């Protein structure tokens, strides 16, 4: 049986499409500089909220992940660097949130003490 021109064209189109998809799959993503920058900014934000005092474990984990991300990028392992940078940013965001929560709870406790003192004064003045 002879192969027709249509069959050859169809086969060539399929091979061409496969080649294009294969080459597209090999195209690499850009270096994760944006992710690293975002992680650095998140750590700086957590530092400004006293994360070392209120969320020391979380900020330490964020710094460790960022250092590992930078090392992975230096080795050319962009995918690992990207993942570690995202993890670092998430840990820093958690440290920031926990730090802000601790500060808010401290402020709340202070306000409650002030209210209790004012109520006590009112009772004393009212009883005179």
N, C-alpha and C. Protein backbone atom coordinates (compact mmCIF):
# COMPACT_ATOMS: atom_id res chain seq x y z
N UNK A 1 0.84 -1.16 0.00
CA UNK A 1 0.00 0.00 0.00
C UNK A 1 0.89 1.24 0.00
N UNK A 2 0.56 2.18 -0.82
CA UNK A 2 1.35 3.39 -0.96
C UNK A 2 0.87 4.45 0.02
N UNK A 3 1.79 5.20 0.52
CA UNK A 3 1.46 6.29 1.43
C UNK A 3 1.08 7.51 0.62
N UNK A 4 -0.02 8.11 0.99
CA UNK A 4 -0.49 9.27 0.24
C UNK A 4 0.18 10.54 0.77
N UNK A 5 0.11 11.55 -0.06
CA UNK A 5 0.67 12.85 0.32
C UNK A 5 -0.04 13.41 1.56
N UNK A 6 -1.32 13.20 1.68
CA UNK A 6 -2.09 13.69 2.83
C UNK A 6 -1.62 13.04 4.12
N UNK A 7 -1.28 11.76 4.06
CA UNK A 7 -0.80 11.08 5.25
C UNK A 7 0.57 11.61 5.67
N UNK A 8 1.42 11.88 4.71
CA UNK A 8 2.76 12.42 5.02
C UNK A 8 2.62 13.82 5.62
N UNK A 9 1.76 14.63 5.03
CA UNK A 9 1.55 15.99 5.53
C UNK A 9 1.01 15.94 6.96
N UNK A 10 0.07 15.06 7.20
CA UNK A 10 -0.50 14.92 8.54
C UNK A 10 0.56 14.49 9.55
N UNK A 11 1.41 13.57 9.16
CA UNK A 11 2.46 13.08 10.04
C UNK A 11 3.46 14.20 10.32
N UNK A 12 3.83 14.94 9.28
CA UNK A 12 4.77 16.04 9.46
C UNK A 12 4.19 17.15 10.35
N UNK A 13 2.90 17.40 10.21
CA UNK A 13 2.27 18.40 11.06
C UNK A 13 2.29 17.95 12.52
N UNK A 14 2.02 16.69 12.73
CA UNK A 14 2.05 16.15 14.10
C UNK A 14 3.45 16.23 14.69
N UNK A 15 4.46 15.88 13.90
CA UNK A 15 5.84 15.97 14.38
C UNK A 15 6.23 17.43 14.66
N UNK A 16 5.80 18.32 13.80
CA UNK A 16 6.10 19.74 13.97
C UNK A 16 5.46 20.29 15.23
N UNK A 17 4.21 19.90 15.45
CA UNK A 17 3.52 20.36 16.66
C UNK A 17 4.21 19.80 17.90
N UNK A 18 4.61 18.56 17.85
CA UNK A 18 5.32 17.95 18.97
C UNK A 18 6.65 18.64 19.24
N UNK A 19 7.36 19.00 18.19
CA UNK A 19 8.63 19.69 18.33
C UNK A 19 8.43 21.08 18.96
N UNK A 20 7.41 21.80 18.49
CA UNK A 20 7.13 23.12 19.03
C UNK A 20 6.77 23.03 20.51
N UNK A 21 5.92 22.08 20.86
CA UNK A 21 5.54 21.90 22.27
C UNK A 21 6.74 21.49 23.12
N UNK A 22 7.57 20.65 22.57
CA UNK A 22 8.76 20.22 23.30
C UNK A 22 9.71 21.37 23.55
N UNK A 23 9.91 22.21 22.57
CA UNK A 23 10.79 23.36 22.74
C UNK A 23 10.18 24.38 23.70
N UNK A 24 8.88 24.54 23.65
CA UNK A 24 8.21 25.47 24.57
C UNK A 24 8.35 24.97 26.00
N UNK A 25 8.30 23.67 26.18
CA UNK A 25 8.45 23.09 27.51
C UNK A 25 9.86 23.28 28.06
N UNK A 26 10.83 23.39 27.18
CA UNK A 26 12.21 23.58 27.61
C UNK A 26 12.52 25.03 27.93
N UNK A 27 11.68 25.93 27.48
CA UNK A 27 11.93 27.34 27.76
C UNK A 27 11.91 27.56 29.26
N UNK A 28 12.92 28.23 29.75
CA UNK A 28 13.01 28.41 31.20
C UNK A 28 12.31 29.69 31.62
N UNK A 29 11.87 29.68 32.86
CA UNK A 29 11.26 30.86 33.45
C UNK A 29 12.37 31.85 33.79
N UNK A 30 12.03 33.12 33.90
CA UNK A 30 13.06 34.08 34.28
C UNK A 30 13.54 33.82 35.71
N UNK A 31 14.70 34.34 36.02
CA UNK A 31 15.25 34.17 37.36
C UNK A 31 14.25 34.71 38.39
N UNK A 32 14.22 34.10 39.57
CA UNK A 32 13.21 34.48 40.58
C UNK A 32 13.59 35.73 41.38
N UNK A 33 14.07 36.75 40.69
CA UNK A 33 14.48 37.97 41.40
C UNK A 33 13.29 38.66 42.06
N UNK A 34 12.13 38.62 41.42
CA UNK A 34 10.95 39.25 42.01
C UNK A 34 10.54 38.54 43.30
N UNK A 35 10.60 37.23 43.30
CA UNK A 35 10.24 36.46 44.49
C UNK A 35 11.23 36.71 45.63
N UNK A 36 12.53 36.78 45.27
CA UNK A 36 13.54 37.06 46.29
C UNK A 36 13.35 38.47 46.87
N UNK A 37 13.06 39.40 46.02
CA UNK A 37 12.83 40.77 46.47
C UNK A 37 11.60 40.84 47.38
N UNK A 38 10.54 40.16 47.00
CA UNK A 38 9.33 40.13 47.83
C UNK A 38 9.61 39.51 49.19
N UNK A 39 10.41 38.47 49.22
CA UNK A 39 10.75 37.82 50.49
C UNK A 39 11.58 38.77 51.36
N UNK A 40 12.53 39.47 50.76
CA UNK A 40 13.34 40.43 51.51
C UNK A 40 12.47 41.54 52.09
N UNK A 41 11.54 42.02 51.30
CA UNK A 41 10.64 43.08 51.78
C UNK A 41 9.74 42.57 52.91
N UNK A 42 9.26 41.34 52.79
CA UNK A 42 8.41 40.77 53.84
C UNK A 42 9.20 40.62 55.14
N UNK A 43 10.45 40.23 55.04
CA UNK A 43 11.29 40.09 56.23
C UNK A 43 11.55 41.46 56.85
N UNK A 44 11.81 42.45 56.03
CA UNK A 44 12.02 43.81 56.54
C UNK A 44 10.76 44.33 57.24
N UNK A 45 9.59 44.04 56.67
CA UNK A 45 8.31 44.45 57.28
C UNK A 45 8.13 43.77 58.64
N UNK A 46 8.46 42.49 58.71
CA UNK A 46 8.34 41.76 59.98
C UNK A 46 9.34 42.29 60.99
N UNK A 47 10.54 42.61 60.53
CA UNK A 47 11.54 43.20 61.44
C UNK A 47 11.05 44.51 62.02
N UNK A 48 10.40 45.31 61.20
CA UNK A 48 9.91 46.62 61.67
C UNK A 48 8.77 46.47 62.68
N UNK A 49 8.15 45.30 62.72
CA UNK A 49 7.08 45.03 63.68
C UNK A 49 7.59 44.24 64.88
N UNK A 50 8.91 44.28 65.10
CA UNK A 50 9.53 43.60 66.25
C UNK A 50 9.28 42.09 66.25
N UNK A 51 9.38 41.49 65.08
CA UNK A 51 9.15 40.05 64.98
C UNK A 51 10.16 39.24 65.78
N UNK A 52 11.39 39.77 65.93
CA UNK A 52 12.38 39.04 66.74
C UNK A 52 11.90 38.85 68.17
N UNK A 53 11.13 39.81 68.66
CA UNK A 53 10.63 39.73 70.03
C UNK A 53 9.36 38.88 70.12
N UNK A 54 8.45 39.06 69.18
CA UNK A 54 7.12 38.45 69.29
C UNK A 54 6.94 37.17 68.47
N UNK A 55 7.74 36.98 67.44
CA UNK A 55 7.59 35.80 66.57
C UNK A 55 8.97 35.33 66.12
N UNK A 56 9.82 35.04 67.09
CA UNK A 56 11.22 34.74 66.78
C UNK A 56 11.39 33.47 65.93
N UNK A 57 10.61 32.46 66.19
CA UNK A 57 10.74 31.22 65.41
C UNK A 57 10.36 31.44 63.95
N UNK A 58 9.28 32.17 63.73
CA UNK A 58 8.80 32.40 62.36
C UNK A 58 9.76 33.26 61.56
N UNK A 59 10.30 34.32 62.19
CA UNK A 59 11.21 35.20 61.45
C UNK A 59 12.54 34.48 61.20
N UNK A 60 12.95 33.64 62.14
CA UNK A 60 14.18 32.86 61.92
C UNK A 60 14.00 31.89 60.76
N UNK A 61 12.84 31.27 60.67
CA UNK A 61 12.55 30.35 59.57
C UNK A 61 12.53 31.10 58.24
N UNK A 62 11.96 32.30 58.25
CA UNK A 62 11.92 33.12 57.03
C UNK A 62 13.32 33.47 56.57
N UNK A 63 14.17 33.87 57.50
CA UNK A 63 15.55 34.22 57.14
C UNK A 63 16.31 33.01 56.60
N UNK A 64 16.09 31.87 57.22
CA UNK A 64 16.74 30.64 56.77
C UNK A 64 16.30 30.27 55.36
N UNK A 65 15.00 30.35 55.11
CA UNK A 65 14.48 30.03 53.77
C UNK A 65 15.01 31.00 52.72
N UNK A 66 15.12 32.28 53.09
CA UNK A 66 15.66 33.27 52.16
C UNK A 66 17.12 32.97 51.84
N UNK A 67 17.90 32.64 52.85
CA UNK A 67 19.31 32.30 52.64
C UNK A 67 19.43 31.08 51.73
N UNK A 68 18.59 30.09 51.95
CA UNK A 68 18.61 28.90 51.09
C UNK A 68 18.17 29.24 49.67
N UNK A 69 17.21 30.16 49.53
CA UNK A 69 16.76 30.58 48.20
C UNK A 69 17.89 31.29 47.46
N UNK A 70 18.60 32.15 48.17
CA UNK A 70 19.72 32.85 47.54
C UNK A 70 20.82 31.88 47.14
N UNK A 71 21.08 30.88 47.96
CA UNK A 71 22.09 29.88 47.63
C UNK A 71 21.65 29.06 46.41
N UNK A 72 20.38 28.71 46.37
CA UNK A 72 19.87 27.94 45.22
C UNK A 72 19.97 28.76 43.94
N UNK A 73 19.68 30.04 44.02
CA UNK A 73 19.78 30.89 42.84
C UNK A 73 21.23 31.01 42.38
N UNK A 74 22.15 31.10 43.33
CA UNK A 74 23.57 31.18 42.98
C UNK A 74 24.04 29.91 42.27
N UNK A 75 23.44 28.79 42.62
CA UNK A 75 23.78 27.51 41.98
C UNK A 75 23.08 27.33 40.63
N UNK A 76 22.14 28.24 40.32
CA UNK A 76 21.41 28.14 39.06
C UNK A 76 20.15 27.31 39.16
N UNK A 77 19.74 26.98 40.37
CA UNK A 77 18.53 26.19 40.57
C UNK A 77 17.36 27.15 40.81
N UNK A 78 16.90 27.76 39.71
CA UNK A 78 15.87 28.78 39.80
C UNK A 78 14.55 28.27 40.38
N UNK A 79 14.17 27.06 40.03
CA UNK A 79 12.90 26.53 40.54
C UNK A 79 12.94 26.38 42.06
N UNK A 80 14.05 25.86 42.58
CA UNK A 80 14.18 25.74 44.03
C UNK A 80 14.25 27.11 44.69
N UNK A 81 14.98 28.01 44.05
CA UNK A 81 15.09 29.37 44.60
C UNK A 81 13.73 30.04 44.66
N UNK A 82 12.94 29.87 43.62
CA UNK A 82 11.60 30.47 43.58
C UNK A 82 10.74 29.91 44.71
N UNK A 83 10.72 28.61 44.86
CA UNK A 83 9.91 27.97 45.90
C UNK A 83 10.34 28.41 47.30
N UNK A 84 11.64 28.43 47.53
CA UNK A 84 12.14 28.83 48.84
C UNK A 84 11.87 30.30 49.13
N UNK A 85 11.93 31.13 48.11
CA UNK A 85 11.64 32.56 48.30
C UNK A 85 10.18 32.77 48.65
N UNK A 86 9.30 32.02 48.02
CA UNK A 86 7.87 32.11 48.34
C UNK A 86 7.62 31.64 49.78
N UNK A 87 8.29 30.58 50.18
CA UNK A 87 8.16 30.09 51.55
C UNK A 87 8.70 31.13 52.54
N UNK A 88 9.82 31.74 52.20
CA UNK A 88 10.39 32.77 53.07
C UNK A 88 9.43 33.94 53.24
N UNK A 89 8.82 34.37 52.16
CA UNK A 89 7.86 35.48 52.23
C UNK A 89 6.66 35.10 53.09
N UNK A 90 6.17 33.88 52.93
CA UNK A 90 5.02 33.43 53.73
C UNK A 90 5.38 33.37 55.21
N UNK A 91 6.55 32.84 55.52
CA UNK A 91 6.97 32.79 56.93
C UNK A 91 7.14 34.19 57.51
N UNK A 92 7.68 35.10 56.72
CA UNK A 92 7.84 36.49 57.18
C UNK A 92 6.49 37.16 57.39
N UNK A 93 5.56 36.89 56.49
CA UNK A 93 4.21 37.44 56.65
C UNK A 93 3.55 36.90 57.92
N UNK A 94 3.76 35.63 58.21
CA UNK A 94 3.24 35.04 59.43
C UNK A 94 3.89 35.68 60.66
N UNK A 95 5.19 35.90 60.60
CA UNK A 95 5.89 36.55 61.71
C UNK A 95 5.35 37.96 61.92
N UNK A 96 5.11 38.67 60.83
CA UNK A 96 4.56 40.02 60.92
C UNK A 96 3.18 39.98 61.58
N UNK A 97 2.32 39.07 61.14
CA UNK A 97 0.97 38.98 61.69
C UNK A 97 0.99 38.62 63.17
N UNK A 98 1.84 37.67 63.54
CA UNK A 98 1.91 37.28 64.95
C UNK A 98 2.48 38.41 65.81
N UNK A 99 3.42 39.13 65.26
CA UNK A 99 3.98 40.26 65.99
C UNK A 99 2.94 41.35 66.20
N UNK A 100 2.21 41.67 65.16
CA UNK A 100 1.15 42.68 65.28
C UNK A 100 0.07 42.23 66.25
N UNK A 101 -0.25 40.93 66.23
CA UNK A 101 -1.24 40.40 67.17
C UNK A 101 -0.75 40.56 68.60
N UNK A 102 0.51 40.24 68.85
CA UNK A 102 1.05 40.37 70.20
C UNK A 102 1.04 41.82 70.66
N UNK A 103 1.40 42.72 69.76
CA UNK A 103 1.36 44.15 70.10
C UNK A 103 -0.07 44.60 70.40
N UNK A 104 -1.02 44.14 69.61
CA UNK A 104 -2.41 44.51 69.83
C UNK A 104 -2.92 43.95 71.16
N UNK A 105 -2.54 42.73 71.48
CA UNK A 105 -2.96 42.14 72.76
C UNK A 105 -2.34 42.88 73.94
N UNK A 106 -1.10 43.32 73.80
CA UNK A 106 -0.46 44.11 74.85
C UNK A 106 -1.18 45.43 75.04
N UNK A 107 -1.50 46.07 73.93
CA UNK A 107 -2.24 47.34 73.98
C UNK A 107 -3.62 47.14 74.60
N UNK A 108 -4.30 46.07 74.24
CA UNK A 108 -5.61 45.78 74.80
C UNK A 108 -5.54 45.57 76.31
N UNK A 109 -4.55 44.82 76.75
CA UNK A 109 -4.39 44.57 78.19
C UNK A 109 -4.14 45.89 78.93
N UNK A 110 -3.33 46.76 78.33
CA UNK A 110 -3.07 48.07 78.95
C UNK A 110 -4.35 48.89 79.06
N UNK A 111 -5.13 48.92 78.00
CA UNK A 111 -6.40 49.68 78.03
C UNK A 111 -7.37 49.10 79.05
N UNK A 112 -7.40 47.79 79.18
CA UNK A 112 -8.30 47.17 80.17
C UNK A 112 -7.87 47.54 81.59
N UNK A 113 -6.56 47.60 81.83
CA UNK A 113 -6.08 48.02 83.16
C UNK A 113 -6.48 49.47 83.44
N UNK A 114 -6.35 50.31 82.44
CA UNK A 114 -6.74 51.71 82.61
C UNK A 114 -8.22 51.85 82.91
N UNK A 115 -9.04 51.08 82.20
CA UNK A 115 -10.48 51.12 82.44
C UNK A 115 -10.81 50.64 83.86
N UNK A 116 -10.14 49.58 84.28
CA UNK A 116 -10.37 49.07 85.64
C UNK A 116 -9.98 50.12 86.68
N UNK A 117 -8.88 50.82 86.45
CA UNK A 117 -8.46 51.87 87.38
C UNK A 117 -9.48 53.01 87.40
N UNK A 118 -9.97 53.41 86.24
CA UNK A 118 -10.98 54.47 86.18
C UNK A 118 -12.26 54.06 86.88
N UNK A 119 -12.68 52.83 86.70
CA UNK A 119 -13.89 52.34 87.38
C UNK A 119 -13.69 52.36 88.89
N UNK A 120 -12.51 51.97 89.32
CA UNK A 120 -12.21 51.98 90.75
C UNK A 120 -12.28 53.39 91.31
N UNK A 121 -11.74 54.35 90.58
CA UNK A 121 -11.79 55.75 91.01
C UNK A 121 -13.22 56.26 91.09
N UNK A 122 -14.02 55.89 90.08
CA UNK A 122 -15.43 56.31 90.08
C UNK A 122 -16.17 55.74 91.28
N UNK A 123 -15.89 54.50 91.62
CA UNK A 123 -16.54 53.89 92.79
C UNK A 123 -16.12 54.62 94.07
N UNK A 124 -14.87 54.96 94.15
CA UNK A 124 -14.37 55.65 95.35
C UNK A 124 -14.97 57.05 95.45
N UNK A 125 -15.05 57.73 94.33
CA UNK A 125 -15.60 59.09 94.35
C UNK A 125 -17.12 59.05 94.57
N UNK A 126 -17.77 58.07 94.05
CA UNK A 126 -19.21 57.93 94.22
C UNK A 126 -19.58 57.53 95.64
N UNK A 127 -18.72 56.85 96.34
CA UNK A 127 -18.98 56.40 97.70
C UNK A 127 -18.73 57.48 98.74
N UNK A 128 -18.09 58.56 98.38
CA UNK A 128 -17.77 59.63 99.35
C UNK A 128 -18.95 60.42 99.73
